[in-house]
Amino acid sequence: MRVVRIALLVAAALTLWGCGASDATPGSITPGPSAAPASSQSAEATSVSSTPTATPQAPTSTPYPSSAATPSPAPTVATTPVRTATPTAAPPATKVTFTTFTSPAPRSSDATVGVSTTPNAACTIAVHYKSGISKAAGLGPKNADSSGAASWTWTIGPSTTTGSWPVTVTCKSNGVSASATRNIVVT
């Protein structure tokens, strides 16, 4: 229905301009004598005849665009939100530092090893004598306290070979392990 109205408007405009609807092509519409500027016309040429000079014909194909056509909608710009990475706090680095270490230590005496590590880390100690890893009481796994402290005390056996022996403490927190080794001198 809208296309028919536009076609009729175009045909009527072409008639007033002195062109037949079948003569019109884009860019070929030129004003007829009745559409000249008022300053160059005589008084009798300013009236417009109501009798058309050409019979409007119904368009058989898509009509030419006119100024009465519906304007195209303005293009819209879609925006896509940009995701930014949210930083997550990295787990605290696990490290082991000796805070207490009895050395030298005579046979048949107590030795103490203390460490500082990540709070609540799971820790183990291994004392490597000439005969192998010590199984003395007090050398089992421990959890560091809420301030990261852990300590072990054990008795060095009377027949332990004298010398310098490695003591290794390993602590694990949030899937990260760290170790520290220091030698104890048994006298």
Protein backbone atom coordinates (compact mmCIF):
# COMPACT_ATOMS: atom_id res chain seq x y z
CA MET A 1 0.00 0.00 0.00
CA ARG A 2 2.81 2.40 0.86
CA VAL A 3 4.60 1.61 -2.41
CA VAL A 4 1.44 2.45 -4.39
CA ARG A 5 1.11 5.81 -2.63
CA ILE A 6 4.75 6.62 -3.33
CA ALA A 7 4.32 5.63 -6.97
CA LEU A 8 1.27 7.89 -7.30
CA LEU A 9 3.13 10.77 -5.69
CA VAL A 10 6.05 10.30 -8.07
CA ALA A 11 3.71 10.14 -11.07
CA ALA A 12 1.89 13.32 -9.99
CA ALA A 13 5.19 15.13 -9.45
CA LEU A 14 6.43 14.07 -12.87
CA THR A 15 3.20 15.29 -14.43
CA LEU A 16 3.56 18.71 -12.82
CA TRP A 17 7.15 18.89 -14.04
CA GLY A 18 6.09 18.18 -17.58
CA CYS A 19 7.41 14.64 -17.87
CA GLY A 20 5.52 11.47 -18.48
CA ALA A 21 5.97 8.75 -15.87
CA SER A 22 7.35 6.45 -18.56
CA ASP A 23 9.92 9.08 -19.62
CA ALA A 24 11.48 9.42 -16.17
CA THR A 25 14.76 7.84 -15.31
CA PRO A 26 17.03 8.79 -12.44
CA GLY A 27 18.82 12.01 -13.33
CA SER A 28 16.60 12.70 -16.38
CA ILE A 29 13.92 14.68 -14.60
CA THR A 30 14.28 18.33 -15.48
CA PRO A 31 11.85 21.06 -14.64
CA GLY A 32 9.41 22.05 -17.38
CA PRO A 33 8.55 25.62 -18.23
CA SER A 34 5.98 25.88 -15.45
CA ALA A 35 8.65 25.08 -12.82
CA ALA A 36 11.06 27.90 -13.76
CA PRO A 37 11.86 30.40 -11.03
CA ALA A 38 9.13 33.03 -10.46
CA SER A 39 11.46 35.95 -11.20
CA SER A 40 11.98 34.86 -14.84
CA GLN A 41 8.31 34.08 -15.59
CA SER A 42 5.62 36.39 -16.79
CA ALA A 43 2.49 36.81 -14.72
CA GLU A 44 0.39 34.59 -16.94
CA ALA A 45 2.92 31.73 -16.76
CA THR A 46 2.69 31.43 -13.00
CA SER A 47 -0.64 29.65 -12.99
CA VAL A 48 -0.62 25.88 -13.01
CA SER A 49 -2.99 24.01 -15.22
CA SER A 50 -5.06 21.34 -13.56
CA THR A 51 -5.16 19.31 -16.76
CA PRO A 52 -2.30 16.85 -16.81
CA THR A 53 -0.05 16.80 -19.85
CA ALA A 54 0.52 13.07 -19.57
CA THR A 55 -1.57 10.26 -18.18
CA PRO A 56 0.01 8.75 -15.06
CA GLN A 57 0.69 5.07 -15.50
CA ALA A 58 0.88 2.54 -12.73
CA PRO A 59 4.48 1.39 -12.34
CA THR A 60 5.21 -2.06 -13.61
CA SER A 61 8.45 -2.36 -11.71
CA THR A 62 9.98 -0.90 -8.59
CA PRO A 63 9.42 2.91 -8.69
CA TYR A 64 12.38 5.24 -8.64
CA PRO A 65 13.25 6.56 -5.23
CA SER A 66 11.86 9.95 -4.41
CA SER A 67 12.30 12.43 -1.64
CA ALA A 68 9.05 11.09 -0.15
CA ALA A 69 10.61 7.66 0.38
CA THR A 70 11.05 6.42 3.92
CA PRO A 71 14.61 7.13 5.08
CA SER A 72 16.79 4.18 5.93
CA PRO A 73 17.27 3.63 9.66
CA ALA A 74 20.54 4.91 11.00
CA PRO A 75 23.10 2.14 11.51
CA THR A 76 23.45 0.98 15.04
CA VAL A 77 26.74 0.19 16.64
CA ALA A 78 26.76 -2.86 18.84
CA THR A 79 29.23 -2.80 21.64
CA THR A 80 30.66 -5.91 23.15
CA PRO A 81 31.73 -5.65 26.77
CA VAL A 82 35.40 -6.36 27.26
CA ARG A 83 36.21 -8.79 30.00
CA THR A 84 39.19 -8.00 32.08
CA ALA A 85 41.02 -10.59 34.07
CA THR A 86 40.30 -10.39 37.76
CA PRO A 87 43.52 -10.85 39.64
CA THR A 88 43.45 -13.61 42.18
CA ALA A 89 45.67 -13.66 45.16
CA ALA A 90 48.53 -16.05 44.65
CA PRO A 91 49.06 -18.50 47.47
CA PRO A 92 51.78 -17.36 49.78
CA ALA A 93 55.19 -18.64 48.75
CA THR A 94 56.25 -21.62 50.82
CA LYS A 95 59.76 -21.40 52.17
CA VAL A 96 61.55 -23.02 55.06
CA THR A 97 63.99 -21.15 57.31
CA PHE A 98 65.76 -22.66 60.31
CA THR A 99 65.03 -20.73 63.53
CA THR A 100 66.50 -23.20 66.05
CA PHE A 101 69.23 -25.78 65.43
CA THR A 102 71.14 -27.74 68.08
CA SER A 103 74.68 -28.34 66.87
CA PRO A 104 77.06 -29.64 67.92
CA ALA A 105 75.10 -32.27 69.82
CA PRO A 106 76.70 -35.00 71.94
CA ARG A 107 75.48 -38.59 71.69
CA SER A 108 72.71 -39.50 74.15
CA SER A 109 71.50 -35.86 74.31
CA ASP A 110 68.44 -34.10 72.92
CA ALA A 111 68.64 -32.07 69.74
CA THR A 112 66.03 -29.54 68.62
CA VAL A 113 65.32 -28.17 65.15
CA GLY A 114 62.81 -25.34 64.64
CA VAL A 115 61.66 -23.77 61.36
CA SER A 116 59.58 -20.89 60.13
CA THR A 117 57.34 -21.56 57.10
CA THR A 118 53.90 -20.85 55.71
CA PRO A 119 51.21 -20.94 58.43
CA ASN A 120 49.56 -24.36 58.78
CA ALA A 121 51.94 -25.99 56.25
CA ALA A 122 52.44 -29.76 56.49
CA CYS A 123 56.10 -30.44 57.39
CA THR A 124 58.38 -33.45 57.66
CA ILE A 125 61.94 -33.85 58.95
CA ALA A 126 64.60 -36.34 57.86
CA VAL A 127 67.86 -36.80 59.83
CA HIS A 128 70.37 -38.73 57.69
CA TYR A 129 72.95 -40.56 59.81
CA LYS A 130 75.60 -42.96 58.48
CA SER A 131 73.22 -45.85 59.25
CA GLY A 132 70.30 -44.23 57.33
CA ILE A 133 67.34 -42.02 58.14
CA SER A 134 66.69 -41.80 61.90
CA LYS A 135 63.46 -43.26 63.23
CA ALA A 136 63.84 -41.67 66.66
CA ALA A 137 60.74 -40.64 68.58
CA GLY A 138 59.84 -36.99 67.97
CA LEU A 139 60.80 -36.96 64.27
CA GLY A 140 57.28 -37.50 62.84
CA PRO A 141 55.35 -35.17 60.50
CA LYS A 142 53.97 -31.93 61.98
CA ASN A 143 51.81 -29.05 60.89
CA ALA A 144 53.17 -25.55 61.33
CA ASP A 145 51.09 -23.42 63.68
CA SER A 146 49.10 -20.34 62.62
CA SER A 147 52.26 -18.23 62.70
CA GLY A 148 54.21 -20.76 60.58
CA ALA A 149 56.38 -22.25 63.35
CA ALA A 150 57.19 -25.97 63.61
CA SER A 151 59.80 -27.77 65.74
CA TRP A 152 61.10 -31.25 66.54
CA THR A 153 63.05 -32.57 69.49
CA TRP A 154 64.61 -36.06 69.58
CA THR A 155 67.31 -37.92 71.47
CA ILE A 156 70.51 -38.76 69.62
CA GLY A 157 71.28 -42.42 70.24
CA PRO A 158 74.35 -43.46 72.31
CA SER A 159 75.80 -45.44 69.41
CA THR A 160 75.18 -42.82 66.66
CA THR A 161 78.29 -42.36 64.51
CA THR A 162 79.98 -39.06 65.22
CA GLY A 163 80.33 -36.61 62.34
CA SER A 164 78.36 -34.07 60.37
CA TRP A 165 74.97 -35.30 59.14
CA PRO A 166 72.32 -33.59 56.99
CA VAL A 167 68.94 -32.64 58.47
CA THR A 168 66.27 -31.81 55.86
CA VAL A 169 62.92 -30.17 56.66
CA THR A 170 60.28 -30.11 53.89
CA CYS A 171 57.02 -28.15 54.17
CA LYS A 172 54.07 -28.14 51.76
CA SER A 173 51.24 -25.59 51.53
CA ASN A 174 48.68 -25.07 48.73
CA GLY A 175 50.44 -27.65 46.58
CA VAL A 176 53.79 -25.86 46.84
CA SER A 177 56.74 -27.53 48.59
CA ALA A 178 59.95 -26.05 49.94
CA SER A 179 62.90 -27.60 51.74
CA ALA A 180 65.90 -26.49 53.76
CA THR A 181 68.92 -28.59 54.73
CA ARG A 182 71.53 -28.02 57.38
CA ASN A 183 74.15 -30.33 58.92
CA ILE A 184 74.07 -31.38 62.56
CA VAL A 185 77.44 -32.26 64.13
CA VAL A 186 77.23 -35.27 66.43
CA THR A 187 80.08 -35.44 68.98
